[in-house]
Amino acid sequence: MMLEDKVALVTGAAGGIGREIALLMAREGAKVVVNDFGGKVDGTGSSRAPADEVVSEIKAFGGQAIANYDSVAIMAGGKNIVQTALGHFGRVDIVVNNAGILRDRMIFNMSEEEWDAVLDTHLKGTFAVTRAAVPHMREQKWGRIINMTSTSGLVGNVGQANYAAAKLGIVGFTRVVALDMARYNVTANCISPFAWTRMIGTIPAETDAQRQRVEKLKKLSPAHVAPMAVYLASEEAKDVSGQVFGVRGKEIMLFCHMRPIRTIHHAEGWTPERLAEMFPGTLRHHLVHLETSGQYFSYDPLV
């Protein structure tokens, strides 16, 4: 019972990764706010039934849970989600920002609405719920923020400029929250999950490489992600903050922080001509070939 007497709220908790996290946190003793707007993968529509079903599952094995149906994409929604925790359980200890949608489109076709909808749900949604929760965590001198990033942001993925921007933005946001809240015994970390979910199932697989990646992901259950979230939410992880962890099946990985890997210097400064002369024998050696375009890219895809 690593989370006994703690109150956790999990956004996007009606299915996939969020559902597995909510269930395991409840089994580990947490009282859980199960938040889900109940919309489709693209964020349209709404339904209370999915969140209610997860609450019923938790109560069936003796856990405590309450449903919340607010959208994370607006500040009022974030406040209402946190208020649900405060109103029913008296406090908020753990926030898991998991809610998300997809509006995939190649960059030359992406609309402003498709960009805004994804950024609002993922990046603004992470801010909205966190912003509402951290004053209470600061006052009680204890808290855990767990945010979901993605290799679409850390590595890149075709047709997901909006999603990738949001997910890498969440990494920067998390690291600053970790710094801001360190003195109050509040940690903030990211998880980059590799798992087959409803959202992942909508991503087109047109090339052989994409189809192979999908087949690999189909073997990875959302349940594999939940133990990492529970650990980061526990007292055992009190000194772990500002980090990005990947969970791929039974494998857990720690991602590096953005740091220089190679520098070059010229006593007389740089001109374009000097760069053209020096670059091939120095910095270019540290680039990874991006097969799809024949260009050089700074990351190697993980799946």
Protein backbone atom coordinates (compact mmCIF):
# COMPACT_ATOMS: atom_id res chain seq x y z
CA MET A 1 0.00 0.00 0.00
CA MET A 2 2.57 2.57 -1.16
CA LEU A 3 -0.07 5.30 -1.52
CA GLU A 4 -2.16 4.69 1.58
CA ASP A 5 -4.07 7.79 2.74
CA LYS A 6 -3.01 9.77 -0.36
CA VAL A 7 -5.45 11.46 -2.73
CA ALA A 8 -4.67 11.15 -6.43
CA LEU A 9 -6.33 12.68 -9.43
CA VAL A 10 -5.75 11.16 -12.85
CA THR A 11 -6.87 12.95 -15.99
CA GLY A 12 -7.93 11.01 -19.05
CA ALA A 13 -8.48 8.05 -16.74
CA ALA A 14 -11.38 6.31 -18.47
CA GLY A 15 -9.23 4.14 -20.70
CA GLY A 16 -5.75 3.07 -21.71
CA ILE A 17 -2.81 4.29 -19.63
CA GLY A 18 -4.88 6.62 -17.44
CA ARG A 19 -7.26 3.84 -16.47
CA GLU A 20 -4.43 1.47 -15.53
CA ILE A 21 -2.77 4.17 -13.42
CA ALA A 22 -6.04 4.99 -11.64
CA LEU A 23 -6.72 1.33 -10.89
CA LEU A 24 -3.24 0.59 -9.57
CA MET A 25 -3.11 3.75 -7.47
CA ALA A 26 -6.41 2.74 -5.91
CA ARG A 27 -5.08 -0.77 -5.21
CA GLU A 28 -2.06 0.85 -3.56
CA GLY A 29 -4.34 2.70 -1.15
CA ALA A 30 -4.97 6.05 -2.84
CA LYS A 31 -8.36 7.72 -3.03
CA VAL A 32 -8.74 8.53 -6.71
CA VAL A 33 -10.45 11.23 -8.72
CA VAL A 34 -11.12 9.64 -12.11
CA ASN A 35 -11.28 12.49 -14.58
CA ASP A 36 -12.38 12.01 -18.18
CA PHE A 37 -14.30 14.24 -20.55
CA GLY A 38 -15.47 11.12 -22.34
CA GLY A 39 -14.78 12.38 -25.84
CA LYS A 40 -13.48 10.73 -28.97
CA VAL A 41 -9.77 10.48 -29.79
CA ASP A 42 -9.95 13.84 -31.60
CA GLY A 43 -11.56 15.49 -28.57
CA THR A 44 -15.08 15.78 -29.97
CA GLY A 45 -18.14 14.59 -28.09
CA SER A 46 -18.49 13.80 -24.40
CA SER A 47 -19.87 11.10 -22.13
CA ARG A 48 -19.91 10.44 -18.41
CA ALA A 49 -20.16 6.67 -18.76
CA PRO A 50 -16.43 5.87 -19.29
CA ALA A 51 -15.27 7.61 -16.09
CA ASP A 52 -18.18 6.11 -14.14
CA GLU A 53 -17.16 2.62 -15.25
CA VAL A 54 -13.63 3.03 -13.88
CA VAL A 55 -15.00 4.35 -10.59
CA SER A 56 -17.23 1.26 -10.38
CA GLU A 57 -14.21 -1.00 -11.00
CA ILE A 58 -12.32 0.67 -8.17
CA LYS A 59 -15.22 0.44 -5.76
CA ALA A 60 -15.74 -3.23 -6.69
CA PHE A 61 -12.38 -4.19 -5.16
CA GLY A 62 -12.90 -1.99 -2.10
CA GLY A 63 -11.17 1.16 -3.26
CA GLN A 64 -12.39 4.74 -3.02
CA ALA A 65 -12.99 6.87 -6.12
CA ILE A 66 -15.09 9.68 -7.51
CA ALA A 67 -15.65 10.65 -11.14
CA ASN A 68 -15.07 14.07 -12.68
CA TYR A 69 -16.04 14.99 -16.23
CA ASP A 70 -14.42 18.41 -16.74
CA SER A 71 -12.24 19.27 -19.71
CA VAL A 72 -8.61 19.99 -18.86
CA ALA A 73 -8.32 22.35 -21.83
CA ILE A 74 -9.64 25.35 -19.87
CA MET A 75 -8.49 26.80 -16.57
CA ALA A 76 -11.93 26.42 -15.01
CA GLY A 77 -11.80 22.70 -15.80
CA GLY A 78 -8.48 22.32 -14.02
CA LYS A 79 -9.86 24.11 -10.96
CA ASN A 80 -12.98 21.96 -10.92
CA ILE A 81 -10.98 18.73 -11.11
CA VAL A 82 -8.86 19.74 -8.13
CA GLN A 83 -11.93 20.97 -6.28
CA THR A 84 -13.48 17.52 -6.75
CA ALA A 85 -10.53 16.04 -4.87
CA LEU A 86 -10.73 18.67 -2.13
CA GLY A 87 -14.49 18.46 -1.81
CA HIS A 88 -14.73 14.68 -1.56
CA PHE A 89 -11.42 13.68 0.00
CA GLY A 90 -10.17 16.86 1.71
CA ARG A 91 -6.81 17.19 -0.03
CA VAL A 92 -4.83 16.54 -3.20
CA ASP A 93 -1.47 14.77 -3.05
CA ILE A 94 -0.87 13.35 -6.52
CA VAL A 95 -1.65 14.71 -9.97
CA VAL A 96 -1.26 12.57 -13.08
CA ASN A 97 -1.70 14.69 -16.21
CA ASN A 98 -2.58 12.04 -18.76
CA ALA A 99 -5.51 13.46 -20.77
CA GLY A 100 -4.85 13.83 -24.47
CA ILE A 101 -6.23 13.95 -27.99
CA LEU A 102 -4.83 13.64 -31.50
CA ARG A 103 -5.42 15.76 -34.60
CA ASP A 104 -2.73 14.35 -36.90
CA ARG A 105 -1.97 16.22 -40.10
CA MET A 106 1.10 16.93 -42.21
CA ILE A 107 2.46 20.37 -41.39
CA PHE A 108 1.50 21.80 -44.79
CA ASN A 109 -2.13 20.79 -44.19
CA MET A 110 -2.52 21.45 -40.45
CA SER A 111 -5.14 24.03 -39.51
CA GLU A 112 -5.03 26.53 -36.67
CA GLU A 113 -7.91 24.73 -34.99
CA GLU A 114 -6.08 21.37 -35.15
CA TRP A 115 -2.98 22.99 -33.66
CA ASP A 116 -4.87 24.79 -30.89
CA ALA A 117 -7.02 21.80 -29.90
CA VAL A 118 -4.01 19.54 -29.30
CA LEU A 119 -1.92 22.21 -27.55
CA ASP A 120 -4.86 23.19 -25.35
CA THR A 121 -5.56 19.62 -24.22
CA HIS A 122 -1.99 18.45 -23.67
CA LEU A 123 0.12 21.46 -22.78
CA LYS A 124 -2.43 23.91 -21.42
CA GLY A 125 -4.29 21.03 -19.78
CA THR A 126 -1.15 19.98 -17.94
CA PHE A 127 -0.71 23.58 -16.78
CA ALA A 128 -4.36 24.06 -15.83
CA VAL A 129 -4.55 21.08 -13.47
CA THR A 130 -1.05 21.57 -12.07
CA ARG A 131 -1.66 25.28 -11.44
CA ALA A 132 -4.82 24.49 -9.49
CA ALA A 133 -3.16 21.76 -7.41
CA VAL A 134 0.25 23.14 -6.45
CA PRO A 135 -0.91 25.82 -3.98
CA HIS A 136 -2.43 23.05 -1.86
CA MET A 137 0.72 20.92 -2.20
CA ARG A 138 2.87 23.87 -1.18
CA GLU A 139 0.74 24.45 1.91
CA GLN A 140 0.86 20.78 2.99
CA LYS A 141 4.57 20.46 2.05
CA TRP A 142 4.01 17.30 0.00
CA GLY A 143 3.00 16.55 -3.53
CA ARG A 144 3.69 14.58 -6.69
CA ILE A 145 3.18 15.77 -10.27
CA ILE A 146 3.45 13.12 -13.00
CA ASN A 147 3.13 14.30 -16.60
CA MET A 148 2.96 12.32 -19.81
CA THR A 149 5.34 13.14 -22.62
CA SER A 150 5.95 11.13 -25.79
CA THR A 151 8.69 10.09 -28.16
CA SER A 152 6.78 12.14 -30.73
CA GLY A 153 8.17 15.13 -28.84
CA LEU A 154 11.45 13.62 -27.69
CA VAL A 155 12.28 12.04 -31.06
CA GLY A 156 9.72 13.25 -33.60
CA ASN A 157 7.00 11.59 -35.67
CA VAL A 158 5.60 12.32 -39.11
CA GLY A 159 2.31 14.24 -39.16
CA GLN A 160 2.32 15.16 -35.47
CA ALA A 161 3.75 18.68 -35.28
CA ASN A 162 1.02 19.78 -32.86
CA TYR A 163 1.31 16.71 -30.63
CA ALA A 164 5.12 16.75 -30.65
CA ALA A 165 5.24 20.45 -29.76
CA ALA A 166 2.88 19.88 -26.85
CA LYS A 167 4.72 16.82 -25.56
CA LEU A 168 8.16 18.40 -25.66
CA GLY A 169 6.68 21.52 -24.09
CA ILE A 170 5.47 19.34 -21.23
CA VAL A 171 9.06 18.25 -20.59
CA GLY A 172 10.23 21.85 -20.23
CA PHE A 173 7.23 22.67 -18.08
CA THR A 174 7.88 19.68 -15.82
CA ARG A 175 11.50 20.61 -15.22
CA VAL A 176 10.56 24.13 -14.18
CA VAL A 177 7.79 22.87 -11.89
CA ALA A 178 10.37 20.55 -10.30
CA LEU A 179 12.61 23.57 -9.62
CA ASP A 180 9.79 25.83 -8.42
CA MET A 181 8.35 23.25 -6.01
CA ALA A 182 11.52 21.55 -4.70
CA ARG A 183 11.58 23.53 -1.46
CA TYR A 184 8.05 22.35 -0.67
CA ASN A 185 8.77 18.61 -0.95
CA VAL A 186 6.87 18.43 -4.25
CA THR A 187 8.36 16.50 -7.15
CA ALA A 188 7.54 16.65 -10.86
CA ASN A 189 8.50 14.02 -13.43
CA CYS A 190 7.58 12.84 -16.91
CA ILE A 191 6.78 9.42 -18.26
CA SER A 192 7.13 8.64 -21.96
CA PRO A 193 4.99 5.53 -22.44
CA PHE A 194 5.32 2.95 -25.19
CA ALA A 195 1.95 1.18 -25.23
CA TRP A 196 -0.96 0.22 -27.47
CA THR A 197 -3.87 2.55 -26.74
CA ARG A 198 -6.94 3.92 -28.47
CA MET A 199 -4.99 7.03 -29.50
CA ILE A 200 -2.02 5.12 -30.89
CA GLY A 201 -4.40 2.95 -32.90
CA THR A 202 -5.48 5.97 -34.95
CA ILE A 203 -1.99 6.85 -36.23
CA PRO A 204 -1.68 5.93 -39.92
CA ALA A 205 0.76 3.14 -40.80
CA GLU A 206 1.52 3.58 -44.48
CA THR A 207 5.12 2.40 -44.82
CA ASP A 208 6.69 -0.94 -43.89
CA ALA A 209 8.65 0.73 -41.10
CA GLN A 210 5.50 2.31 -39.67
CA ARG A 211 3.61 -0.98 -39.85
CA GLN A 212 6.46 -2.78 -38.05
CA ARG A 213 6.41 -0.11 -35.35
CA VAL A 214 2.65 -0.60 -34.89
CA GLU A 215 3.05 -4.36 -34.54
CA LYS A 216 5.66 -3.84 -31.83
CA LEU A 217 3.41 -1.40 -29.97
CA LYS A 218 0.46 -3.81 -30.07
CA LYS A 219 2.44 -6.11 -27.78
CA LEU A 220 2.92 -3.40 -25.15
CA SER A 221 0.12 -3.12 -22.58
CA PRO A 222 -0.86 0.16 -20.89
CA ALA A 223 -0.67 -1.77 -17.62
CA HIS A 224 3.14 -1.78 -17.93
CA VAL A 225 3.17 1.99 -17.40
CA ALA A 226 1.21 2.11 -14.15
CA PRO A 227 3.89 0.79 -11.74
CA MET A 228 6.28 3.59 -12.72
CA ALA A 229 3.59 6.18 -12.04
CA VAL A 230 2.83 4.66 -8.64
CA TYR A 231 6.50 4.61 -7.71
CA LEU A 232 6.99 8.25 -8.69
CA ALA A 233 3.90 9.14 -6.65
CA SER A 234 5.20 7.44 -3.52
CA GLU A 235 7.39 8.56 -0.65
CA GLU A 236 10.07 6.19 -1.96
CA ALA A 237 10.68 8.60 -4.88
CA LYS A 238 10.98 11.75 -2.78
CA ASP A 239 14.41 12.58 -4.23
CA VAL A 240 13.45 11.92 -7.88
CA SER A 241 12.37 15.07 -9.69
CA GLY A 242 12.72 16.79 -13.05
CA GLN A 243 13.33 13.49 -14.85
CA VAL A 244 11.96 11.79 -17.95
CA PHE A 245 11.42 8.03 -17.82
CA GLY A 246 10.45 5.79 -20.69
CA VAL A 247 8.40 2.65 -20.11
CA ARG A 248 8.46 0.05 -22.88
CA GLY A 249 6.88 -3.22 -21.83
CA LYS A 250 9.01 -4.66 -19.05
CA GLU A 251 11.81 -2.17 -19.71
CA ILE A 252 12.24 1.20 -17.97
CA MET A 253 14.66 3.78 -19.35
CA LEU A 254 15.94 7.12 -18.14
CA PHE A 255 16.20 9.84 -20.79
CA CYS A 256 19.11 12.26 -20.73
CA HIS A 257 18.70 15.97 -20.21
CA MET A 258 19.39 18.29 -23.11
CA ARG A 259 23.12 19.02 -22.83
CA PRO A 260 25.82 19.86 -25.39
CA ILE A 261 27.43 16.70 -26.76
CA ARG A 262 30.15 18.37 -28.84
CA THR A 263 31.40 21.92 -29.27
CA ILE A 264 33.71 23.59 -31.76
CA HIS A 265 35.59 26.85 -31.30
CA HIS A 266 37.55 29.14 -33.58
CA ALA A 267 39.87 31.81 -32.20
CA GLU A 268 38.79 34.31 -34.87
CA GLY A 269 35.08 33.53 -34.65
CA TRP A 270 32.90 31.89 -37.24
CA THR A 271 32.02 32.69 -40.80
CA PRO A 272 29.72 30.61 -43.00
CA GLU A 273 32.77 29.51 -44.98
CA ARG A 274 34.63 28.33 -41.87
CA LEU A 275 31.56 26.43 -40.72
CA ALA A 276 31.27 24.75 -44.11
CA GLU A 277 34.89 23.69 -43.82
CA MET A 278 34.86 22.53 -40.20
CA PHE A 279 31.35 21.08 -39.80
CA PRO A 280 31.83 17.84 -41.77
CA GLY A 281 34.78 16.68 -39.65
CA THR A 282 33.34 17.72 -36.28
CA LEU A 283 29.65 18.18 -35.45
CA ARG A 284 28.36 16.09 -38.35
CA HIS A 285 29.92 12.97 -36.80
CA HIS A 286 27.43 13.28 -33.94
CA LEU A 287 24.30 13.48 -36.09
CA VAL A 288 22.07 10.49 -36.71
CA HIS A 289 20.90 9.76 -40.23
CA LEU A 290 17.18 10.21 -40.76
CA GLU A 291 16.38 7.53 -43.30
CA THR A 292 13.04 8.86 -44.44
CA SER A 293 14.49 12.03 -45.93
CA GLY A 294 18.19 11.46 -46.43
CA GLN A 295 18.87 14.37 -44.09
CA TYR A 296 20.77 14.39 -40.81
CA PHE A 297 18.82 14.40 -37.60
CA SER A 298 19.88 14.63 -33.97
CA TYR A 299 17.89 11.69 -32.54
CA ASP A 300 17.58 8.02 -33.31
CA PRO A 301 14.01 6.62 -33.24
CA LEU A 302 13.46 4.17 -30.37
CA VAL A 303 10.62 2.09 -31.77
